[in-house]
Amino acid sequence: MIRAITEKKVLPERLAQLERSYLNCKKEFDQFQNSFNDLKNQYRDKERQLKQGQDDLRKAKDRLGNVKNNKEYQAILKEIEGLQQRREDMEIEGILLLDAMDKKSEELKEQEKSFQGVEGKYNHDRAFIMAELEKLDQRMETCQQENISLRSAVGDGLVKKYDAIRNLHKDVVVVPVQKEVCQGCHMNIPPQMYNELQTSTTLMSCPHCNRIIYRDDQSIGVG
């Protein structure tokens, strides 16, 4: 029962740590994927800007046929020159974005493969911990039912004594004595009491910690 209670505390901590580790990996992968999507959006914007620039250039060239004086003609030529230069700049920027996207795409494939491995292990480990928690719940339910049955089978005096020791020490109540040493408080008990443990059929308590004791040189403790 004590082991089950301990595991009941430890397993949720392991689960929380597993969740944190997985979420950190997912966050990093999502950030990398978002950076790739940002490049794609930048390229789409550049394509729209280039199309708009081409439309503006076409309209500017169309206006040349309707000019009425040299000054207006020169102004439109200057506008066309600026639009052509802007189009060339955007074409170069688009090529650079495509190169960056190609590199990022290859890196994304590696990142995705790595994350899939992390996610697979996370799902496996999480399922295992959840299954163990379910087993513990069932075991603790069984132990609680057995505890109720045992408490009803012994006298009220012994139950009260057991509860008092449990409340006092918050841990093991029944401990062995090994080589005249109580394994609860690790203090020596009187030699005469140690000898009586060999033949006594009554419950005896450690004079130091008041835990219920029994002689078992091979045991390391029970709860």
N, C-alpha and C. Protein backbone atom coordinates (compact mmCIF):
# COMPACT_ATOMS: atom_id res chain seq x y z
N MET A 1 0.83 -1.20 0.00
CA MET A 1 0.00 0.00 0.00
C MET A 1 0.87 1.26 0.00
N ILE A 2 1.93 1.24 0.84
CA ILE A 2 2.83 2.40 0.91
C ILE A 2 3.52 2.62 -0.42
N ARG A 3 3.96 1.51 -1.03
CA ARG A 3 4.61 1.62 -2.34
C ARG A 3 3.63 2.18 -3.37
N ALA A 4 2.38 1.74 -3.31
CA ALA A 4 1.38 2.23 -4.25
C ALA A 4 1.15 3.72 -4.07
N ILE A 5 1.12 4.18 -2.81
CA ILE A 5 0.93 5.60 -2.53
C ILE A 5 2.11 6.41 -3.06
N THR A 6 3.32 5.86 -2.87
CA THR A 6 4.52 6.55 -3.37
C THR A 6 4.49 6.66 -4.88
N GLU A 7 4.15 5.55 -5.54
CA GLU A 7 4.09 5.56 -7.00
C GLU A 7 2.99 6.48 -7.49
N LYS A 8 1.91 6.58 -6.71
CA LYS A 8 0.80 7.47 -7.07
C LYS A 8 1.25 8.92 -7.09
N LYS A 9 2.26 9.25 -6.28
CA LYS A 9 2.82 10.61 -6.27
C LYS A 9 3.86 10.78 -7.36
N VAL A 10 4.67 9.73 -7.57
CA VAL A 10 5.79 9.83 -8.51
C VAL A 10 5.32 9.84 -9.96
N LEU A 11 4.37 8.97 -10.30
CA LEU A 11 3.93 8.86 -11.69
C LEU A 11 3.35 10.15 -12.26
N PRO A 12 2.51 10.89 -11.52
CA PRO A 12 2.04 12.18 -12.06
C PRO A 12 3.18 13.16 -12.29
N GLU A 13 4.22 13.11 -11.46
CA GLU A 13 5.38 13.97 -11.66
C GLU A 13 6.11 13.59 -12.95
N ARG A 14 6.24 12.27 -13.18
CA ARG A 14 6.86 11.80 -14.41
C ARG A 14 6.02 12.21 -15.62
N LEU A 15 4.71 12.12 -15.47
CA LEU A 15 3.81 12.51 -16.56
C LEU A 15 3.93 14.00 -16.85
N ALA A 16 4.00 14.82 -15.80
CA ALA A 16 4.13 16.26 -15.98
C ALA A 16 5.46 16.61 -16.66
N GLN A 17 6.52 15.92 -16.25
CA GLN A 17 7.83 16.15 -16.88
C GLN A 17 7.81 15.74 -18.35
N LEU A 18 7.14 14.63 -18.63
CA LEU A 18 7.01 14.16 -20.00
C LEU A 18 6.24 15.17 -20.84
N GLU A 19 5.17 15.71 -20.26
CA GLU A 19 4.36 16.71 -20.97
C GLU A 19 5.19 17.96 -21.26
N ARG A 20 5.96 18.41 -20.27
CA ARG A 20 6.78 19.62 -20.46
C ARG A 20 7.81 19.41 -21.56
N SER A 21 8.46 18.27 -21.54
CA SER A 21 9.48 17.97 -22.54
C SER A 21 8.85 17.93 -23.94
N TYR A 22 7.71 17.28 -24.04
CA TYR A 22 7.04 17.17 -25.34
C TYR A 22 6.59 18.54 -25.84
N LEU A 23 6.00 19.33 -24.95
CA LEU A 23 5.50 20.65 -25.35
C LEU A 23 6.63 21.58 -25.77
N ASN A 24 7.79 21.44 -25.12
CA ASN A 24 8.96 22.25 -25.51
C ASN A 24 9.41 21.88 -26.93
N CYS A 25 9.45 20.57 -27.20
CA CYS A 25 9.83 20.11 -28.55
C CYS A 25 8.80 20.57 -29.59
N LYS A 26 7.53 20.47 -29.22
CA LYS A 26 6.47 20.88 -30.14
C LYS A 26 6.55 22.38 -30.41
N LYS A 27 6.86 23.14 -29.36
CA LYS A 27 6.97 24.59 -29.52
C LYS A 27 8.10 24.94 -30.49
N GLU A 28 9.24 24.27 -30.34
CA GLU A 28 10.37 24.51 -31.24
C GLU A 28 10.01 24.14 -32.68
N PHE A 29 9.34 23.00 -32.85
CA PHE A 29 8.95 22.57 -34.20
C PHE A 29 7.94 23.55 -34.80
N ASP A 30 6.97 23.98 -34.00
CA ASP A 30 5.96 24.92 -34.48
C ASP A 30 6.61 26.25 -34.89
N GLN A 31 7.59 26.70 -34.10
CA GLN A 31 8.28 27.94 -34.43
C GLN A 31 9.04 27.80 -35.76
N PHE A 32 9.67 26.65 -35.96
CA PHE A 32 10.39 26.42 -37.20
C PHE A 32 9.42 26.37 -38.38
N GLN A 33 8.30 25.69 -38.18
CA GLN A 33 7.28 25.61 -39.24
C GLN A 33 6.70 26.98 -39.54
N ASN A 34 6.49 27.78 -38.51
CA ASN A 34 5.96 29.13 -38.70
C ASN A 34 6.94 30.00 -39.48
N SER A 35 8.24 29.81 -39.21
CA SER A 35 9.24 30.60 -39.93
C SER A 35 9.23 30.24 -41.42
N PHE A 36 8.99 28.96 -41.73
CA PHE A 36 8.87 28.55 -43.13
C PHE A 36 7.62 29.15 -43.77
N ASN A 37 6.51 29.13 -43.02
CA ASN A 37 5.27 29.72 -43.52
C ASN A 37 5.42 31.22 -43.74
N ASP A 38 6.19 31.87 -42.89
CA ASP A 38 6.45 33.31 -43.06
C ASP A 38 7.16 33.58 -44.38
N LEU A 39 8.13 32.72 -44.71
CA LEU A 39 8.83 32.86 -45.99
C LEU A 39 7.86 32.70 -47.17
N LYS A 40 6.97 31.71 -47.06
CA LYS A 40 5.98 31.48 -48.12
C LYS A 40 5.07 32.71 -48.28
N ASN A 41 4.66 33.28 -47.14
CA ASN A 41 3.79 34.45 -47.20
C ASN A 41 4.53 35.65 -47.80
N GLN A 42 5.82 35.79 -47.43
CA GLN A 42 6.62 36.87 -48.00
C GLN A 42 6.73 36.72 -49.52
N TYR A 43 6.90 35.48 -49.97
CA TYR A 43 7.02 35.24 -51.41
C TYR A 43 5.70 35.54 -52.12
N ARG A 44 4.57 35.15 -51.52
CA ARG A 44 3.27 35.45 -52.12
C ARG A 44 3.06 36.96 -52.21
N ASP A 45 3.44 37.67 -51.13
CA ASP A 45 3.33 39.13 -51.15
C ASP A 45 4.19 39.73 -52.25
N LYS A 46 5.39 39.17 -52.41
CA LYS A 46 6.29 39.67 -53.44
C LYS A 46 5.71 39.42 -54.82
N GLU A 47 5.07 38.28 -55.02
CA GLU A 47 4.43 37.99 -56.31
C GLU A 47 3.31 38.97 -56.59
N ARG A 48 2.51 39.30 -55.55
CA ARG A 48 1.42 40.27 -55.74
C ARG A 48 1.97 41.65 -56.07
N GLN A 49 3.03 42.02 -55.35
CA GLN A 49 3.65 43.31 -55.60
C GLN A 49 4.23 43.38 -57.03
N LEU A 50 4.82 42.27 -57.47
CA LEU A 50 5.41 42.23 -58.82
C LEU A 50 4.31 42.34 -59.88
N LYS A 51 3.20 41.66 -59.65
CA LYS A 51 2.08 41.73 -60.59
C LYS A 51 1.52 43.15 -60.64
N GLN A 52 1.39 43.75 -59.45
CA GLN A 52 0.90 45.13 -59.40
C GLN A 52 1.87 46.07 -60.11
N GLY A 53 3.17 45.84 -59.93
CA GLY A 53 4.19 46.67 -60.59
C GLY A 53 4.14 46.52 -62.10
N GLN A 54 3.88 45.31 -62.56
CA GLN A 54 3.77 45.08 -64.01
C GLN A 54 2.55 45.80 -64.58
N ASP A 55 1.45 45.77 -63.81
CA ASP A 55 0.24 46.48 -64.25
C ASP A 55 0.49 47.98 -64.30
N ASP A 56 1.18 48.49 -63.28
CA ASP A 56 1.49 49.92 -63.25
C ASP A 56 2.40 50.31 -64.41
N LEU A 57 3.37 49.41 -64.74
CA LEU A 57 4.29 49.68 -65.85
C LEU A 57 3.54 49.69 -67.18
N ARG A 58 2.62 48.75 -67.35
CA ARG A 58 1.84 48.69 -68.58
C ARG A 58 0.98 49.94 -68.75
N LYS A 59 0.36 50.37 -67.66
CA LYS A 59 -0.48 51.57 -67.72
C LYS A 59 0.34 52.81 -68.04
N ALA A 60 1.55 52.85 -67.45
CA ALA A 60 2.42 54.01 -67.70
C ALA A 60 2.83 54.06 -69.17
N LYS A 61 3.14 52.92 -69.76
CA LYS A 61 3.52 52.86 -71.18
C LYS A 61 2.33 53.25 -72.06
N ASP A 62 1.12 52.83 -71.65
CA ASP A 62 -0.06 53.18 -72.42
C ASP A 62 -0.30 54.70 -72.44
N ARG A 63 0.08 55.37 -71.34
CA ARG A 63 -0.14 56.81 -71.26
C ARG A 63 0.80 57.59 -72.19
N LEU A 64 1.89 56.95 -72.63
CA LEU A 64 2.83 57.65 -73.51
C LEU A 64 2.16 58.11 -74.81
N GLY A 65 1.19 57.33 -75.27
CA GLY A 65 0.51 57.68 -76.53
C GLY A 65 -0.42 58.86 -76.41
N ASN A 66 -0.68 59.28 -75.18
CA ASN A 66 -1.63 60.38 -74.99
C ASN A 66 -0.99 61.66 -74.46
N VAL A 67 0.35 61.69 -74.43
CA VAL A 67 1.00 62.89 -73.89
C VAL A 67 0.85 64.06 -74.86
N LYS A 68 0.81 65.31 -74.32
CA LYS A 68 0.59 66.49 -75.16
C LYS A 68 1.82 67.39 -75.25
N ASN A 69 2.80 67.11 -74.35
CA ASN A 69 3.99 67.95 -74.42
C ASN A 69 5.20 67.15 -73.96
N ASN A 70 6.37 67.71 -74.23
CA ASN A 70 7.62 67.02 -73.92
C ASN A 70 7.82 66.84 -72.41
N LYS A 71 7.41 67.83 -71.64
CA LYS A 71 7.58 67.75 -70.19
C LYS A 71 6.82 66.56 -69.63
N GLU A 72 5.59 66.40 -70.06
CA GLU A 72 4.78 65.27 -69.60
C GLU A 72 5.38 63.94 -70.09
N TYR A 73 5.89 63.98 -71.31
CA TYR A 73 6.52 62.78 -71.89
C TYR A 73 7.72 62.34 -71.07
N GLN A 74 8.58 63.30 -70.69
CA GLN A 74 9.77 63.00 -69.89
C GLN A 74 9.40 62.50 -68.50
N ALA A 75 8.33 63.05 -67.96
CA ALA A 75 7.88 62.62 -66.63
C ALA A 75 7.44 61.16 -66.65
N ILE A 76 6.71 60.80 -67.72
CA ILE A 76 6.25 59.40 -67.82
C ILE A 76 7.42 58.47 -68.06
N LEU A 77 8.40 58.89 -68.86
CA LEU A 77 9.59 58.07 -69.07
C LEU A 77 10.33 57.82 -67.77
N LYS A 78 10.43 58.85 -66.94
CA LYS A 78 11.10 58.71 -65.65
C LYS A 78 10.31 57.74 -64.74
N GLU A 79 8.98 57.86 -64.82
CA GLU A 79 8.13 56.96 -64.03
C GLU A 79 8.33 55.51 -64.48
N ILE A 80 8.38 55.33 -65.81
CA ILE A 80 8.57 53.98 -66.36
C ILE A 80 9.92 53.42 -65.93
N GLU A 81 10.95 54.26 -65.96
CA GLU A 81 12.28 53.81 -65.55
C GLU A 81 12.28 53.36 -64.08
N GLY A 82 11.59 54.13 -63.25
CA GLY A 82 11.51 53.77 -61.83
C GLY A 82 10.74 52.47 -61.62
N LEU A 83 9.65 52.31 -62.39
CA LEU A 83 8.86 51.07 -62.27
C LEU A 83 9.65 49.85 -62.74
N GLN A 84 10.42 50.02 -63.80
CA GLN A 84 11.24 48.92 -64.30
C GLN A 84 12.32 48.52 -63.30
N GLN A 85 12.93 49.54 -62.69
CA GLN A 85 13.95 49.25 -61.68
C GLN A 85 13.34 48.54 -60.47
N ARG A 86 12.15 49.00 -60.07
CA ARG A 86 11.46 48.37 -58.94
C ARG A 86 11.10 46.93 -59.26
N ARG A 87 10.67 46.69 -60.51
CA ARG A 87 10.33 45.33 -60.91
C ARG A 87 11.56 44.42 -60.86
N GLU A 88 12.70 44.92 -61.33
CA GLU A 88 13.94 44.14 -61.30
C GLU A 88 14.35 43.82 -59.86
N ASP A 89 14.22 44.81 -59.00
CA ASP A 89 14.57 44.59 -57.58
C ASP A 89 13.67 43.53 -56.95
N MET A 90 12.37 43.60 -57.26
CA MET A 90 11.44 42.62 -56.69
C MET A 90 11.68 41.23 -57.25
N GLU A 91 12.08 41.13 -58.51
CA GLU A 91 12.40 39.83 -59.10
C GLU A 91 13.59 39.20 -58.39
N ILE A 92 14.60 40.01 -58.08
CA ILE A 92 15.77 39.50 -57.36
C ILE A 92 15.37 39.07 -55.95
N GLU A 93 14.55 39.90 -55.29
CA GLU A 93 14.09 39.56 -53.94
C GLU A 93 13.28 38.26 -53.97
N GLY A 94 12.50 38.06 -55.03
CA GLY A 94 11.71 36.84 -55.15
C GLY A 94 12.59 35.62 -55.32
N ILE A 95 13.66 35.76 -56.12
CA ILE A 95 14.59 34.64 -56.31
C ILE A 95 15.28 34.28 -55.00
N LEU A 96 15.67 35.31 -54.24
CA LEU A 96 16.32 35.06 -52.94
C LEU A 96 15.36 34.37 -51.98
N LEU A 97 14.10 34.77 -52.02
CA LEU A 97 13.10 34.13 -51.16
C LEU A 97 12.88 32.68 -51.55
N LEU A 98 12.88 32.39 -52.85
CA LEU A 98 12.73 31.01 -53.31
C LEU A 98 13.90 30.15 -52.84
N ASP A 99 15.11 30.70 -52.93
CA ASP A 99 16.29 29.95 -52.46
C ASP A 99 16.18 29.66 -50.96
N ALA A 100 15.76 30.69 -50.21
CA ALA A 100 15.60 30.52 -48.76
C ALA A 100 14.53 29.48 -48.45
N MET A 101 13.44 29.50 -49.23
CA MET A 101 12.36 28.53 -49.03
C MET A 101 12.82 27.11 -49.33
N ASP A 102 13.62 26.95 -50.36
CA ASP A 102 14.14 25.61 -50.70
C ASP A 102 14.98 25.05 -49.56
N LYS A 103 15.86 25.88 -49.01
CA LYS A 103 16.72 25.44 -47.91
C LYS A 103 15.88 25.14 -46.66
N LYS A 104 14.93 26.05 -46.40
CA LYS A 104 14.09 25.88 -45.22
C LYS A 104 13.21 24.64 -45.35
N SER A 105 12.78 24.34 -46.57
CA SER A 105 11.93 23.17 -46.81
C SER A 105 12.68 21.89 -46.48
N GLU A 106 13.95 21.81 -46.88
CA GLU A 106 14.75 20.63 -46.58
C GLU A 106 14.97 20.49 -45.07
N GLU A 107 15.23 21.62 -44.42
CA GLU A 107 15.42 21.60 -42.96
C GLU A 107 14.13 21.20 -42.26
N LEU A 108 13.01 21.68 -42.81
CA LEU A 108 11.71 21.37 -42.22
C LEU A 108 11.42 19.87 -42.28
N LYS A 109 11.81 19.23 -43.37
CA LYS A 109 11.60 17.79 -43.50
C LYS A 109 12.36 17.04 -42.41
N GLU A 110 13.59 17.46 -42.13
CA GLU A 110 14.39 16.83 -41.08
C GLU A 110 13.78 17.09 -39.71
N GLN A 111 13.34 18.33 -39.50
CA GLN A 111 12.71 18.69 -38.23
C GLN A 111 11.42 17.90 -38.01
N GLU A 112 10.65 17.74 -39.08
CA GLU A 112 9.39 17.01 -38.98
C GLU A 112 9.64 15.54 -38.66
N LYS A 113 10.64 14.96 -39.30
CA LYS A 113 10.99 13.56 -39.05
C LYS A 113 11.42 13.38 -37.60
N SER A 114 12.25 14.31 -37.11
CA SER A 114 12.71 14.24 -35.72
C SER A 114 11.55 14.40 -34.75
N PHE A 115 10.66 15.34 -35.04
CA PHE A 115 9.52 15.59 -34.14
C PHE A 115 8.57 14.40 -34.13
N GLN A 116 8.39 13.75 -35.27
CA GLN A 116 7.52 12.57 -35.32
C GLN A 116 8.05 11.47 -34.40
N GLY A 117 9.39 11.36 -34.34
CA GLY A 117 9.99 10.39 -33.43
C GLY A 117 9.72 10.77 -31.97
N VAL A 118 9.86 12.06 -31.67
CA VAL A 118 9.60 12.55 -30.31
C VAL A 118 8.13 12.33 -29.95
N GLU A 119 7.25 12.64 -30.89
CA GLU A 119 5.81 12.51 -30.63
C GLU A 119 5.41 11.05 -30.44
N GLY A 120 6.03 10.16 -31.24
CA GLY A 120 5.74 8.73 -31.09
C GLY A 120 6.15 8.21 -29.72
N LYS A 121 7.34 8.61 -29.28
CA LYS A 121 7.82 8.18 -27.96
C LYS A 121 6.97 8.78 -26.86
N TYR A 122 6.57 10.04 -27.03
CA TYR A 122 5.71 10.70 -26.04
C TYR A 122 4.38 9.95 -25.90
N ASN A 123 3.75 9.63 -27.02
CA ASN A 123 2.47 8.92 -26.98
C ASN A 123 2.62 7.55 -26.31
N HIS A 124 3.74 6.87 -26.62
CA HIS A 124 3.98 5.55 -26.02
C HIS A 124 4.18 5.67 -24.52
N ASP A 125 5.06 6.59 -24.09
CA ASP A 125 5.36 6.74 -22.67
C ASP A 125 4.14 7.24 -21.90
N ARG A 126 3.39 8.14 -22.50
CA ARG A 126 2.20 8.66 -21.83
C ARG A 126 1.16 7.56 -21.62
N ALA A 127 0.98 6.74 -22.66
CA ALA A 127 0.02 5.63 -22.55
C ALA A 127 0.45 4.66 -21.46
N PHE A 128 1.77 4.42 -21.36
CA PHE A 128 2.28 3.50 -20.34
C PHE A 128 2.01 4.06 -18.94
N ILE A 129 2.31 5.34 -18.72
CA ILE A 129 2.11 5.95 -17.40
C ILE A 129 0.62 5.96 -17.04
N MET A 130 -0.23 6.30 -18.01
CA MET A 130 -1.67 6.32 -17.74
C MET A 130 -2.17 4.93 -17.36
N ALA A 131 -1.63 3.90 -18.04
CA ALA A 131 -2.03 2.53 -17.72
C ALA A 131 -1.57 2.15 -16.32
N GLU A 132 -0.34 2.58 -15.95
CA GLU A 132 0.17 2.29 -14.62
C GLU A 132 -0.66 3.00 -13.55
N LEU A 133 -1.07 4.23 -13.83
CA LEU A 133 -1.90 4.96 -12.88
C LEU A 133 -3.25 4.27 -12.69
N GLU A 134 -3.78 3.75 -13.78
CA GLU A 134 -5.05 3.02 -13.68
C GLU A 134 -4.89 1.75 -12.85
N LYS A 135 -3.76 1.05 -13.05
CA LYS A 135 -3.49 -0.15 -12.25
C LYS A 135 -3.35 0.22 -10.77
N LEU A 136 -2.67 1.34 -10.50
CA LEU A 136 -2.49 1.77 -9.11
C LEU A 136 -3.83 2.10 -8.46
N ASP A 137 -4.69 2.77 -9.23
CA ASP A 137 -6.01 3.09 -8.69
C ASP A 137 -6.77 1.81 -8.31
N GLN A 138 -6.67 0.82 -9.18
CA GLN A 138 -7.34 -0.45 -8.90
C GLN A 138 -6.71 -1.15 -7.70
N ARG A 139 -5.36 -1.10 -7.63
CA ARG A 139 -4.67 -1.75 -6.51
C ARG A 139 -5.01 -1.05 -5.19
N MET A 140 -5.03 0.30 -5.23
CA MET A 140 -5.34 1.04 -4.01
C MET A 140 -6.78 0.82 -3.57
N GLU A 141 -7.68 0.69 -4.55
CA GLU A 141 -9.07 0.40 -4.22
C GLU A 141 -9.18 -0.96 -3.54
N THR A 142 -8.43 -1.94 -4.06
CA THR A 142 -8.42 -3.28 -3.46
C THR A 142 -7.84 -3.21 -2.05
N CYS A 143 -6.73 -2.48 -1.89
CA CYS A 143 -6.09 -2.36 -0.58
C CYS A 143 -7.01 -1.67 0.42
N GLN A 144 -7.73 -0.65 -0.06
CA GLN A 144 -8.64 0.05 0.85
C GLN A 144 -9.77 -0.86 1.32
N GLN A 145 -10.26 -1.69 0.39
CA GLN A 145 -11.30 -2.63 0.78
C GLN A 145 -10.77 -3.66 1.77
N GLU A 146 -9.53 -4.14 1.51
CA GLU A 146 -8.91 -5.08 2.44
C GLU A 146 -8.65 -4.42 3.79
N ASN A 147 -8.25 -3.15 3.75
CA ASN A 147 -7.98 -2.42 4.99
C ASN A 147 -9.25 -2.30 5.84
N ILE A 148 -10.36 -2.01 5.15
CA ILE A 148 -11.63 -1.90 5.87
C ILE A 148 -11.99 -3.25 6.51
N SER A 149 -11.77 -4.32 5.74
CA SER A 149 -12.10 -5.67 6.24
C SER A 149 -11.22 -6.04 7.43
N LEU A 150 -9.91 -5.75 7.32
CA LEU A 150 -8.98 -6.08 8.40
C LEU A 150 -9.25 -5.26 9.66
N ARG A 151 -9.55 -3.98 9.47
CA ARG A 151 -9.80 -3.12 10.64
C ARG A 151 -11.04 -3.58 11.40
N SER A 152 -12.00 -4.11 10.65
CA SER A 152 -13.20 -4.59 11.33
C SER A 152 -12.97 -5.92 12.02
N ALA A 153 -11.88 -6.62 11.62
CA ALA A 153 -11.61 -7.95 12.18
C ALA A 153 -10.78 -7.88 13.47
N VAL A 154 -10.11 -6.76 13.71
CA VAL A 154 -9.29 -6.64 14.91
C VAL A 154 -10.00 -5.74 15.91
N GLY A 155 -9.49 -5.75 17.14
CA GLY A 155 -10.12 -4.95 18.18
C GLY A 155 -9.91 -3.46 17.99
N ASP A 156 -10.83 -2.67 18.54
CA ASP A 156 -10.74 -1.21 18.44
C ASP A 156 -9.46 -0.68 19.08
N GLY A 157 -9.00 -1.33 20.12
CA GLY A 157 -7.80 -0.88 20.82
C GLY A 157 -6.59 -0.92 19.90
N LEU A 158 -6.44 -2.02 19.16
CA LEU A 158 -5.30 -2.16 18.27
C LEU A 158 -5.40 -1.18 17.10
N VAL A 159 -6.61 -0.99 16.59
CA VAL A 159 -6.81 -0.04 15.49
C VAL A 159 -6.44 1.36 15.93
N LYS A 160 -6.86 1.75 17.12
CA LYS A 160 -6.54 3.09 17.63
C LYS A 160 -5.03 3.26 17.82
N LYS A 161 -4.39 2.21 18.33
CA LYS A 161 -2.94 2.27 18.51
C LYS A 161 -2.23 2.41 17.17
N TYR A 162 -2.68 1.63 16.19
CA TYR A 162 -2.08 1.69 14.85
C TYR A 162 -2.24 3.09 14.26
N ASP A 163 -3.43 3.65 14.36
CA ASP A 163 -3.70 4.98 13.81
C ASP A 163 -2.87 6.05 14.51
N ALA A 164 -2.71 5.89 15.83
CA ALA A 164 -1.94 6.87 16.59
C ALA A 164 -0.48 6.87 16.13
N ILE A 165 0.08 5.67 15.92
CA ILE A 165 1.48 5.57 15.46
C ILE A 165 1.60 6.12 14.05
N ARG A 166 0.62 5.80 13.21
CA ARG A 166 0.63 6.30 11.83
C ARG A 166 0.60 7.84 11.81
N ASN A 167 -0.24 8.42 12.61
CA ASN A 167 -0.35 9.87 12.67
C ASN A 167 0.92 10.52 13.23
N LEU A 168 1.59 9.78 14.11
CA LEU A 168 2.81 10.32 14.73
C LEU A 168 3.99 10.31 13.76
N HIS A 169 4.17 9.20 13.08
CA HIS A 169 5.37 9.05 12.25
C HIS A 169 5.14 9.26 10.74
N LYS A 170 3.88 9.17 10.31
CA LYS A 170 3.56 9.38 8.90
C LYS A 170 4.25 8.39 7.96
N ASP A 171 4.65 7.24 8.49
CA ASP A 171 5.30 6.25 7.62
C ASP A 171 5.01 4.85 8.14
N VAL A 172 5.98 3.95 8.07
CA VAL A 172 5.79 2.56 8.45
C VAL A 172 5.44 2.44 9.93
N VAL A 173 4.48 1.60 10.23
CA VAL A 173 4.03 1.40 11.62
C VAL A 173 4.62 0.14 12.21
N VAL A 174 4.68 -0.93 11.41
CA VAL A 174 5.18 -2.22 11.88
C VAL A 174 6.56 -2.44 11.28
N VAL A 175 7.57 -2.60 12.13
CA VAL A 175 8.95 -2.74 11.65
C VAL A 175 9.64 -3.92 12.33
N PRO A 176 10.63 -4.49 11.66
CA PRO A 176 11.39 -5.58 12.29
C PRO A 176 12.48 -5.04 13.22
N VAL A 177 12.97 -5.93 14.05
CA VAL A 177 14.14 -5.63 14.88
C VAL A 177 15.26 -6.55 14.42
N GLN A 178 16.36 -5.96 14.04
CA GLN A 178 17.49 -6.74 13.56
C GLN A 178 18.69 -6.50 14.47
N LYS A 179 19.19 -7.58 15.03
CA LYS A 179 20.34 -7.49 15.92
C LYS A 179 20.14 -6.43 17.00
N GLU A 180 18.97 -6.51 17.63
CA GLU A 180 18.59 -5.65 18.76
C GLU A 180 18.41 -4.19 18.35
N VAL A 181 18.27 -3.93 17.05
CA VAL A 181 18.09 -2.55 16.58
C VAL A 181 16.74 -2.42 15.89
N CYS A 182 15.92 -1.47 16.37
CA CYS A 182 14.63 -1.20 15.74
C CYS A 182 14.89 -0.56 14.38
N GLN A 183 14.29 -1.13 13.34
CA GLN A 183 14.51 -0.61 11.99
C GLN A 183 13.62 0.59 11.66
N GLY A 184 12.83 1.02 12.65
CA GLY A 184 12.04 2.23 12.46
C GLY A 184 12.79 3.47 12.89
N CYS A 185 13.36 3.40 14.10
CA CYS A 185 14.10 4.56 14.62
C CYS A 185 15.60 4.31 14.71
N HIS A 186 16.01 3.04 14.45
CA HIS A 186 17.43 2.65 14.46
C HIS A 186 18.07 2.84 15.85
N MET A 187 17.27 2.61 16.86
CA MET A 187 17.76 2.63 18.24
C MET A 187 17.78 1.20 18.78
N ASN A 188 18.71 0.93 19.71
CA ASN A 188 18.78 -0.39 20.34
C ASN A 188 17.65 -0.56 21.33
N ILE A 189 17.04 -1.75 21.30
CA ILE A 189 16.04 -2.07 22.31
C ILE A 189 16.73 -2.89 23.39
N PRO A 190 16.18 -2.95 24.59
CA PRO A 190 16.79 -3.73 25.67
C PRO A 190 16.97 -5.20 25.28
N PRO A 191 18.08 -5.82 25.64
CA PRO A 191 18.33 -7.23 25.31
C PRO A 191 17.20 -8.15 25.74
N GLN A 192 16.64 -7.89 26.93
CA GLN A 192 15.56 -8.75 27.41
C GLN A 192 14.34 -8.68 26.49
N MET A 193 14.01 -7.49 26.03
CA MET A 193 12.88 -7.32 25.11
C MET A 193 13.17 -8.03 23.79
N TYR A 194 14.41 -7.96 23.36
CA TYR A 194 14.80 -8.62 22.11
C TYR A 194 14.61 -10.13 22.22
N ASN A 195 14.97 -10.66 23.37
CA ASN A 195 14.80 -12.10 23.60
C ASN A 195 13.32 -12.47 23.65
N GLU A 196 12.53 -11.60 24.26
CA GLU A 196 11.10 -11.89 24.38
C GLU A 196 10.41 -11.91 23.00
N LEU A 197 10.97 -11.15 22.06
CA LEU A 197 10.39 -11.12 20.72
C LEU A 197 10.41 -12.49 20.06
N GLN A 198 11.37 -13.35 20.50
CA GLN A 198 11.50 -14.67 19.88
C GLN A 198 10.33 -15.58 20.23
N THR A 199 9.77 -15.41 21.42
CA THR A 199 8.74 -16.35 21.90
C THR A 199 7.41 -15.69 22.19
N SER A 200 7.37 -14.37 22.30
CA SER A 200 6.14 -13.68 22.69
C SER A 200 5.08 -13.77 21.60
N THR A 201 3.85 -13.96 21.99
CA THR A 201 2.73 -13.98 21.05
C THR A 201 1.90 -12.70 21.14
N THR A 202 2.36 -11.77 21.97
CA THR A 202 1.65 -10.49 22.11
C THR A 202 2.41 -9.40 21.34
N LEU A 203 1.69 -8.39 20.97
CA LEU A 203 2.32 -7.28 20.25
C LEU A 203 3.22 -6.49 21.18
N MET A 204 4.39 -6.13 20.68
CA MET A 204 5.33 -5.35 21.47
C MET A 204 5.69 -4.09 20.69
N SER A 205 6.01 -3.04 21.42
CA SER A 205 6.34 -1.76 20.80
C SER A 205 7.75 -1.34 21.15
N CYS A 206 8.37 -0.62 20.25
CA CYS A 206 9.71 -0.08 20.50
C CYS A 206 9.61 0.95 21.62
N PRO A 207 10.46 0.87 22.62
CA PRO A 207 10.40 1.83 23.73
C PRO A 207 10.82 3.25 23.32
N HIS A 208 11.39 3.40 22.13
CA HIS A 208 11.86 4.71 21.69
C HIS A 208 10.87 5.41 20.75
N CYS A 209 10.40 4.67 19.73
CA CYS A 209 9.51 5.30 18.74
C CYS A 209 8.08 4.83 18.83
N ASN A 210 7.85 3.81 19.64
CA ASN A 210 6.51 3.27 19.88
C ASN A 210 5.95 2.51 18.70
N ARG A 211 6.76 2.26 17.64
CA ARG A 211 6.28 1.45 16.53
C ARG A 211 6.13 0.00 16.99
N ILE A 212 5.21 -0.72 16.32
CA ILE A 212 5.02 -2.13 16.61
C ILE A 212 6.21 -2.89 16.02
N ILE A 213 6.83 -3.75 16.83
CA ILE A 213 8.06 -4.43 16.40
C ILE A 213 7.88 -5.95 16.39
N TYR A 214 8.72 -6.59 15.58
CA TYR A 214 8.80 -8.04 15.56
C TYR A 214 10.22 -8.42 15.20
N ARG A 215 10.63 -9.63 15.54
CA ARG A 215 11.99 -10.05 15.26
C ARG A 215 12.04 -10.77 13.91
N ASP A 216 12.86 -10.27 13.05
CA ASP A 216 13.05 -10.89 11.73
C ASP A 216 14.40 -10.42 11.21
N ASP A 217 15.43 -11.14 11.46
CA ASP A 217 16.79 -10.74 11.08
C ASP A 217 16.99 -10.66 9.58
N GLN A 218 16.08 -11.27 8.79
CA GLN A 218 16.24 -11.26 7.34
C GLN A 218 15.45 -10.12 6.68
N SER A 219 14.51 -9.58 7.40
CA SER A 219 13.63 -8.58 6.81
C SER A 219 14.20 -7.20 6.95
N ILE A 220 13.76 -6.29 6.05
CA ILE A 220 14.22 -4.90 6.13
C ILE A 220 13.07 -3.97 6.47
N GLY A 221 11.88 -4.51 6.68
CA GLY A 221 10.78 -3.63 7.10
C GLY A 221 9.50 -3.90 6.35
N VAL A 222 8.36 -3.68 6.99
CA VAL A 222 7.06 -3.83 6.35
C VAL A 222 6.21 -2.62 6.74
N GLY A 223 5.16 -2.40 5.97
CA GLY A 223 4.31 -1.27 6.29
C GLY A 223 2.89 -1.64 6.42
